[in-house]
Amino acid sequence: MMREFFDDLTSREQRVLGWSAVAVAAALWLATAWTDPWLLLGVPLAGGAFAAFVMRNRRFATPDAGDDDDWL
């Protein structure tokens, strides 16, 4: 149902819908951070720490020789 609705929109309408979703997310985040300012700093710091952790693990990870992609 939602996929059909989204597919029926023009590319401009899809872009507007996407940007409005981003604006709503930012407004909710700032409204919540208004009551607790640490949230304003905590969410980006936690996201950045997680991204750094993932990048570090991907860089040092070595693929196992026993991994076989034939099961796909």
PDB file of N, CA and C in Angstrom:
ATOM      1  N   MET A   1       0.821  -1.179   0.000  1.00  0.00           N
ATOM      2  CA  MET A   1       0.000   0.000   0.000  1.00  0.00           C
ATOM      3  C   MET A   1       0.878   1.262   0.000  1.00  0.00           C
ATOM      4  N   MET A   2       1.824   1.356   0.918  1.00  0.00           N
ATOM      5  CA  MET A   2       2.690   2.527   0.963  1.00  0.00           C
ATOM      6  C   MET A   2       3.640   2.558  -0.235  1.00  0.00           C
ATOM      7  N   ARG A   3       4.103   1.387  -0.672  1.00  0.00           N
ATOM      8  CA  ARG A   3       5.004   1.326  -1.819  1.00  0.00           C
ATOM      9  C   ARG A   3       4.285   1.829  -3.067  1.00  0.00           C
ATOM     10  N   GLU A   4       3.011   1.445  -3.241  1.00  0.00           N
ATOM     11  CA  GLU A   4       2.233   1.920  -4.389  1.00  0.00           C
ATOM     12  C   GLU A   4       2.047   3.432  -4.320  1.00  0.00           C
ATOM     13  N   PHE A   5       1.779   3.933  -3.123  1.00  0.00           N
ATOM     14  CA  PHE A   5       1.630   5.375  -2.942  1.00  0.00           C
ATOM     15  C   PHE A   5       2.922   6.090  -3.323  1.00  0.00           C
ATOM     16  N   PHE A   6       4.043   5.584  -2.845  1.00  0.00           N
ATOM     17  CA  PHE A   6       5.333   6.214  -3.116  1.00  0.00           C
ATOM     18  C   PHE A   6       5.698   6.129  -4.593  1.00  0.00           C
ATOM     19  N   ASP A   7       5.405   5.003  -5.224  1.00  0.00           N
ATOM     20  CA  ASP A   7       5.724   4.841  -6.646  1.00  0.00           C
ATOM     21  C   ASP A   7       4.868   5.740  -7.538  1.00  0.00           C
ATOM     22  N   ASP A   8       3.672   6.077  -7.088  1.00  0.00           N
ATOM     23  CA  ASP A   8       2.790   6.933  -7.873  1.00  0.00           C
ATOM     24  C   ASP A   8       3.186   8.401  -7.822  1.00  0.00           C
ATOM     25  N   LEU A   9       4.070   8.772  -6.893  1.00  0.00           N
ATOM     26  CA  LEU A   9       4.502  10.159  -6.783  1.00  0.00           C
ATOM     27  C   LEU A   9       5.537  10.486  -7.866  1.00  0.00           C
ATOM     28  N   THR A  10       5.548  11.742  -8.266  1.00  0.00           N
ATOM     29  CA  THR A  10       6.580  12.179  -9.207  1.00  0.00           C
ATOM     30  C   THR A  10       7.914  12.265  -8.465  1.00  0.00           C
ATOM     31  N   SER A  11       8.995  12.405  -9.204  1.00  0.00           N
ATOM     32  CA  SER A  11      10.310  12.469  -8.558  1.00  0.00           C
ATOM     33  C   SER A  11      10.418  13.705  -7.660  1.00  0.00           C
ATOM     34  N   ARG A  12       9.804  14.794  -8.061  1.00  0.00           N
ATOM     35  CA  ARG A  12       9.829  15.994  -7.217  1.00  0.00           C
ATOM     36  C   ARG A  12       9.056  15.763  -5.923  1.00  0.00           C
ATOM     37  N   GLU A  13       7.896  15.132  -6.027  1.00  0.00           N
ATOM     38  CA  GLU A  13       7.097  14.839  -4.830  1.00  0.00           C
ATOM     39  C   GLU A  13       7.833  13.869  -3.904  1.00  0.00           C
ATOM     40  N   GLN A  14       8.530  12.898  -4.478  1.00  0.00           N
ATOM     41  CA  GLN A  14       9.312  11.967  -3.661  1.00  0.00           C
ATOM     42  C   GLN A  14      10.436  12.695  -2.937  1.00  0.00           C
ATOM     43  N   ARG A  15      11.076  13.621  -3.626  1.00  0.00           N
ATOM     44  CA  ARG A  15      12.146  14.403  -3.008  1.00  0.00           C
ATOM     45  C   ARG A  15      11.605  15.282  -1.882  1.00  0.00           C
ATOM     46  N   VAL A  16      10.453  15.903  -2.103  1.00  0.00           N
ATOM     47  CA  VAL A  16       9.835  16.740  -1.077  1.00  0.00           C
ATOM     48  C   VAL A  16       9.447  15.888   0.130  1.00  0.00           C
ATOM     49  N   LEU A  17       8.910  14.716  -0.116  1.00  0.00           N
ATOM     50  CA  LEU A  17       8.533  13.821   0.976  1.00  0.00           C
ATOM     51  C   LEU A  17       9.757  13.401   1.787  1.00  0.00           C
ATOM     52  N   GLY A  18      10.847  13.106   1.121  1.00  0.00           N
ATOM     53  CA  GLY A  18      12.083  12.727   1.808  1.00  0.00           C
ATOM     54  C   GLY A  18      12.630  13.862   2.659  1.00  0.00           C
ATOM     55  N   TRP A  19      12.679  15.063   2.090  1.00  0.00           N
ATOM     56  CA  TRP A  19      13.189  16.201   2.848  1.00  0.00           C
ATOM     57  C   TRP A  19      12.272  16.571   4.004  1.00  0.00           C
ATOM     58  N   SER A  20      10.971  16.386   3.834  1.00  0.00           N
ATOM     59  CA  SER A  20      10.065  16.680   4.948  1.00  0.00           C
ATOM     60  C   SER A  20      10.252  15.677   6.076  1.00  0.00           C
ATOM     61  N   ALA A  21      10.551  14.426   5.745  1.00  0.00           N
ATOM     62  CA  ALA A  21      10.837  13.429   6.781  1.00  0.00           C
ATOM     63  C   ALA A  21      12.104  13.792   7.539  1.00  0.00           C
ATOM     64  N   VAL A  22      13.113  14.280   6.836  1.00  0.00           N
ATOM     65  CA  VAL A  22      14.348  14.721   7.488  1.00  0.00           C
ATOM     66  C   VAL A  22      14.065  15.918   8.394  1.00  0.00           C
ATOM     67  N   ALA A  23      13.252  16.846   7.922  1.00  0.00           N
ATOM     68  CA  ALA A  23      12.923  18.024   8.722  1.00  0.00           C
ATOM     69  C   ALA A  23      12.149  17.641   9.980  1.00  0.00           C
ATOM     70  N   VAL A  24      11.233  16.701   9.859  1.00  0.00           N
ATOM     71  CA  VAL A  24      10.475  16.249  11.028  1.00  0.00           C
ATOM     72  C   VAL A  24      11.389  15.563  12.035  1.00  0.00           C
ATOM     73  N   ALA A  25      12.310  14.730  11.553  1.00  0.00           N
ATOM     74  CA  ALA A  25      13.250  14.057  12.447  1.00  0.00           C
ATOM     75  C   ALA A  25      14.120  15.078  13.171  1.00  0.00           C
ATOM     76  N   ALA A  26      14.600  16.085  12.452  1.00  0.00           N
ATOM     77  CA  ALA A  26      15.424  17.120  13.082  1.00  0.00           C
ATOM     78  C   ALA A  26      14.623  17.920  14.098  1.00  0.00           C
ATOM     79  N   ALA A  27      13.374  18.238  13.772  1.00  0.00           N
ATOM     80  CA  ALA A  27      12.536  18.993  14.704  1.00  0.00           C
ATOM     81  C   ALA A  27      12.254  18.190  15.974  1.00  0.00           C
ATOM     82  N   LEU A  28      11.977  16.904  15.820  1.00  0.00           N
ATOM     83  CA  LEU A  28      11.740  16.075  17.001  1.00  0.00           C
ATOM     84  C   LEU A  28      12.996  15.942  17.848  1.00  0.00           C
ATOM     85  N   TRP A  29      14.139  15.792  17.190  1.00  0.00           N
ATOM     86  CA  TRP A  29      15.396  15.669  17.916  1.00  0.00           C
ATOM     87  C   TRP A  29      15.697  16.951  18.697  1.00  0.00           C
ATOM     88  N   LEU A  30      15.519  18.109  18.047  1.00  0.00           N
ATOM     89  CA  LEU A  30      15.779  19.380  18.725  1.00  0.00           C
ATOM     90  C   LEU A  30      14.759  19.656  19.823  1.00  0.00           C
ATOM     91  N   ALA A  31      13.500  19.267  19.618  1.00  0.00           N
ATOM     92  CA  ALA A  31      12.489  19.460  20.651  1.00  0.00           C
ATOM     93  C   ALA A  31      12.792  18.602  21.874  1.00  0.00           C
ATOM     94  N   THR A  32      13.274  17.387  21.649  1.00  0.00           N
ATOM     95  CA  THR A  32      13.643  16.524  22.767  1.00  0.00           C
ATOM     96  C   THR A  32      14.895  17.054  23.440  1.00  0.00           C
ATOM     97  N   ALA A  33      15.832  17.543  22.651  1.00  0.00           N
ATOM     98  CA  ALA A  33      17.074  18.076  23.210  1.00  0.00           C
ATOM     99  C   ALA A  33      16.832  19.370  23.969  1.00  0.00           C
ATOM    100  N   TRP A  34      15.739  20.043  23.682  1.00  0.00           N
ATOM    101  CA  TRP A  34      15.408  21.274  24.401  1.00  0.00           C
ATOM    102  C   TRP A  34      15.203  20.972  25.881  1.00  0.00           C
ATOM    103  N   THR A  35      14.620  19.828  26.182  1.00  0.00           N
ATOM    104  CA  THR A  35      14.383  19.472  27.576  1.00  0.00           C
ATOM    105  C   THR A  35      15.624  18.889  28.226  1.00  0.00           C
ATOM    106  N   ASP A  36      16.501  18.241  27.457  1.00  0.00           N
ATOM    107  CA  ASP A  36      17.720  17.649  27.991  1.00  0.00           C
ATOM    108  C   ASP A  36      18.870  17.957  27.032  1.00  0.00           C
ATOM    109  N   PRO A  37      19.628  19.020  27.305  1.00  0.00           N
ATOM    110  CA  PRO A  37      20.685  19.432  26.368  1.00  0.00           C
ATOM    111  C   PRO A  37      21.768  18.381  26.148  1.00  0.00           C
ATOM    112  N   TRP A  38      21.966  17.469  27.062  1.00  0.00           N
ATOM    113  CA  TRP A  38      22.978  16.429  26.864  1.00  0.00           C
ATOM    114  C   TRP A  38      22.613  15.513  25.696  1.00  0.00           C
ATOM    115  N   LEU A  39      21.342  15.403  25.419  1.00  0.00           N
ATOM    116  CA  LEU A  39      20.900  14.604  24.287  1.00  0.00           C
ATOM    117  C   LEU A  39      21.392  15.214  22.975  1.00  0.00           C
ATOM    118  N   LEU A  40      21.449  16.538  22.936  1.00  0.00           N
ATOM    119  CA  LEU A  40      21.918  17.230  21.741  1.00  0.00           C
ATOM    120  C   LEU A  40      23.354  16.842  21.410  1.00  0.00           C
ATOM    121  N   LEU A  41      24.167  16.608  22.418  1.00  0.00           N
ATOM    122  CA  LEU A  41      25.547  16.190  22.205  1.00  0.00           C
ATOM    123  C   LEU A  41      25.698  14.674  22.202  1.00  0.00           C
ATOM    124  N   GLY A  42      24.885  13.999  22.983  1.00  0.00           N
ATOM    125  CA  GLY A  42      25.034  12.557  23.159  1.00  0.00           C
ATOM    126  C   GLY A  42      24.739  11.746  21.917  1.00  0.00           C
ATOM    127  N   VAL A  43      23.710  12.087  21.190  1.00  0.00           N
ATOM    128  CA  VAL A  43      23.322  11.314  20.006  1.00  0.00           C
ATOM    129  C   VAL A  43      24.405  11.373  18.920  1.00  0.00           C
ATOM    130  N   PRO A  44      24.901  12.563  18.549  1.00  0.00           N
ATOM    131  CA  PRO A  44      25.971  12.580  17.536  1.00  0.00           C
ATOM    132  C   PRO A  44      27.262  11.933  18.034  1.00  0.00           C
ATOM    133  N   LEU A  45      27.593  12.093  19.306  1.00  0.00           N
ATOM    134  CA  LEU A  45      28.803  11.464  19.827  1.00  0.00           C
ATOM    135  C   LEU A  45      28.688   9.949  19.823  1.00  0.00           C
ATOM    136  N   ALA A  46      27.533   9.430  20.211  1.00  0.00           N
ATOM    137  CA  ALA A  46      27.329   7.979  20.183  1.00  0.00           C
ATOM    138  C   ALA A  46      27.370   7.455  18.751  1.00  0.00           C
ATOM    139  N   GLY A  47      26.751   8.160  17.829  1.00  0.00           N
ATOM    140  CA  GLY A  47      26.785   7.756  16.429  1.00  0.00           C
ATOM    141  C   GLY A  47      28.187   7.801  15.861  1.00  0.00           C
ATOM    142  N   GLY A  48      28.933   8.834  16.183  1.00  0.00           N
ATOM    143  CA  GLY A  48      30.309   8.937  15.713  1.00  0.00           C
ATOM    144  C   GLY A  48      31.201   7.853  16.302  1.00  0.00           C
ATOM    145  N   ALA A  49      31.004   7.553  17.586  1.00  0.00           N
ATOM    146  CA  ALA A  49      31.787   6.493  18.221  1.00  0.00           C
ATOM    147  C   ALA A  49      31.474   5.141  17.587  1.00  0.00           C
ATOM    148  N   PHE A  50      30.210   4.884  17.307  1.00  0.00           N
ATOM    149  CA  PHE A  50      29.827   3.626  16.669  1.00  0.00           C
ATOM    150  C   PHE A  50      30.412   3.532  15.258  1.00  0.00           C
ATOM    151  N   ALA A  51      30.350   4.634  14.509  1.00  0.00           N
ATOM    152  CA  ALA A  51      30.907   4.634  13.149  1.00  0.00           C
ATOM    153  C   ALA A  51      32.414   4.388  13.184  1.00  0.00           C
ATOM    154  N   ALA A  52      33.114   5.009  14.136  1.00  0.00           N
ATOM    155  CA  ALA A  52      34.557   4.790  14.255  1.00  0.00           C
ATOM    156  C   ALA A  52      34.853   3.344  14.627  1.00  0.00           C
ATOM    157  N   PHE A  53      34.044   2.772  15.511  1.00  0.00           N
ATOM    158  CA  PHE A  53      34.215   1.380  15.915  1.00  0.00           C
ATOM    159  C   PHE A  53      34.040   0.441  14.721  1.00  0.00           C
ATOM    160  N   VAL A  54      33.012   0.673  13.930  1.00  0.00           N
ATOM    161  CA  VAL A  54      32.750  -0.174  12.760  1.00  0.00           C
ATOM    162  C   VAL A  54      33.871  -0.038  11.736  1.00  0.00           C
ATOM    163  N   MET A  55      34.310   1.197  11.472  1.00  0.00           N
ATOM    164  CA  MET A  55      35.385   1.409  10.499  1.00  0.00           C
ATOM    165  C   MET A  55      36.674   0.738  10.967  1.00  0.00           C
ATOM    166  N   ARG A  56      36.965   0.831  12.247  1.00  0.00           N
ATOM    167  CA  ARG A  56      38.184   0.225  12.783  1.00  0.00           C
ATOM    168  C   ARG A  56      38.124  -1.290  12.668  1.00  0.00           C
ATOM    169  N   ASN A  57      36.969  -1.864  12.980  1.00  0.00           N
ATOM    170  CA  ASN A  57      36.837  -3.317  12.896  1.00  0.00           C
ATOM    171  C   ASN A  57      36.880  -3.811  11.459  1.00  0.00           C
ATOM    172  N   ARG A  58      36.351  -3.060  10.531  1.00  0.00           N
ATOM    173  CA  ARG A  58      36.395  -3.462   9.128  1.00  0.00           C
ATOM    174  C   ARG A  58      37.809  -3.401   8.577  1.00  0.00           C
ATOM    175  N   ARG A  59      38.581  -2.441   9.043  1.00  0.00           N
ATOM    176  CA  ARG A  59      39.937  -2.282   8.530  1.00  0.00           C
ATOM    177  C   ARG A  59      40.840  -3.420   8.997  1.00  0.00           C
ATOM    178  N   PHE A  60      40.690  -3.839  10.256  1.00  0.00           N
ATOM    179  CA  PHE A  60      41.567  -4.856  10.809  1.00  0.00           C
ATOM    180  C   PHE A  60      41.032  -6.276  10.667  1.00  0.00           C
ATOM    181  N   ALA A  61      39.835  -6.415  10.167  1.00  0.00           N
ATOM    182  CA  ALA A  61      39.252  -7.749  10.005  1.00  0.00           C
ATOM    183  C   ALA A  61      39.893  -8.442   8.808  1.00  0.00           C
ATOM    184  N   THR A  62      40.232  -9.693   8.996  1.00  0.00           N
ATOM    185  CA  THR A  62      40.764 -10.485   7.895  1.00  0.00           C
ATOM    186  C   THR A  62      39.755 -11.572   7.550  1.00  0.00           C
ATOM    187  N   PRO A  63      39.496 -11.768   6.298  1.00  0.00           N
ATOM    188  CA  PRO A  63      38.534 -12.817   5.934  1.00  0.00           C
ATOM    189  C   PRO A  63      39.119 -14.199   6.224  1.00  0.00           C
ATOM    190  N   ASP A  64      38.275 -15.077   6.721  1.00  0.00           N
ATOM    191  CA  ASP A  64      38.705 -16.442   7.003  1.00  0.00           C
ATOM    192  C   ASP A  64      38.892 -17.206   5.702  1.00  0.00           C
ATOM    193  N   ALA A  65      39.913 -18.054   5.679  1.00  0.00           N
ATOM    194  CA  ALA A  65      40.173 -18.854   4.485  1.00  0.00           C
ATOM    195  C   ALA A  65      39.095 -19.909   4.294  1.00  0.00           C
ATOM    196  N   GLY A  66      38.421 -20.290   5.384  1.00  0.00           N
ATOM    197  CA  GLY A  66      37.410 -21.333   5.304  1.00  0.00           C
ATOM    198  C   GLY A  66      36.044 -20.838   4.862  1.00  0.00           C
ATOM    199  N   ASP A  67      35.868 -19.504   4.739  1.00  0.00           N
ATOM    200  CA  ASP A  67      34.578 -18.975   4.304  1.00  0.00           C
ATOM    201  C   ASP A  67      34.329 -19.362   2.856  1.00  0.00           C
ATOM    202  N   ASP A  68      33.126 -19.868   2.601  1.00  0.00           N
ATOM    203  CA  ASP A  68      32.786 -20.278   1.260  1.00  0.00           C
ATOM    204  C   ASP A  68      31.497 -19.597   0.863  1.00  0.00           C
ATOM    205  N   ASP A  69      31.505 -18.874  -0.237  1.00  0.00           N
ATOM    206  CA  ASP A  69      30.340 -18.151  -0.687  1.00  0.00           C
ATOM    207  C   ASP A  69      29.417 -18.974  -1.561  1.00  0.00           C
ATOM    208  N   ASP A  70      29.672 -20.275  -1.695  1.00  0.00           N
ATOM    209  CA  ASP A  70      28.831 -21.118  -2.536  1.00  0.00           C
ATOM    210  C   ASP A  70      27.444 -21.343  -1.955  1.00  0.00           C
ATOM    211  N   TRP A  71      27.279 -21.116  -0.665  1.00  0.00           N
ATOM    212  CA  TRP A  71      25.983 -21.358  -0.036  1.00  0.00           C
ATOM    213  C   TRP A  71      24.965 -20.317  -0.409  1.00  0.00           C
ATOM    214  N   LEU A  72      25.389 -19.198  -0.982  1.00  0.00           N
ATOM    215  CA  LEU A  72      24.452 -18.157  -1.373  1.00  0.00           C
ATOM    216  C   LEU A  72      23.639 -18.649  -2.481  1.00  0.00           C
TER     217      LEU A  72
END
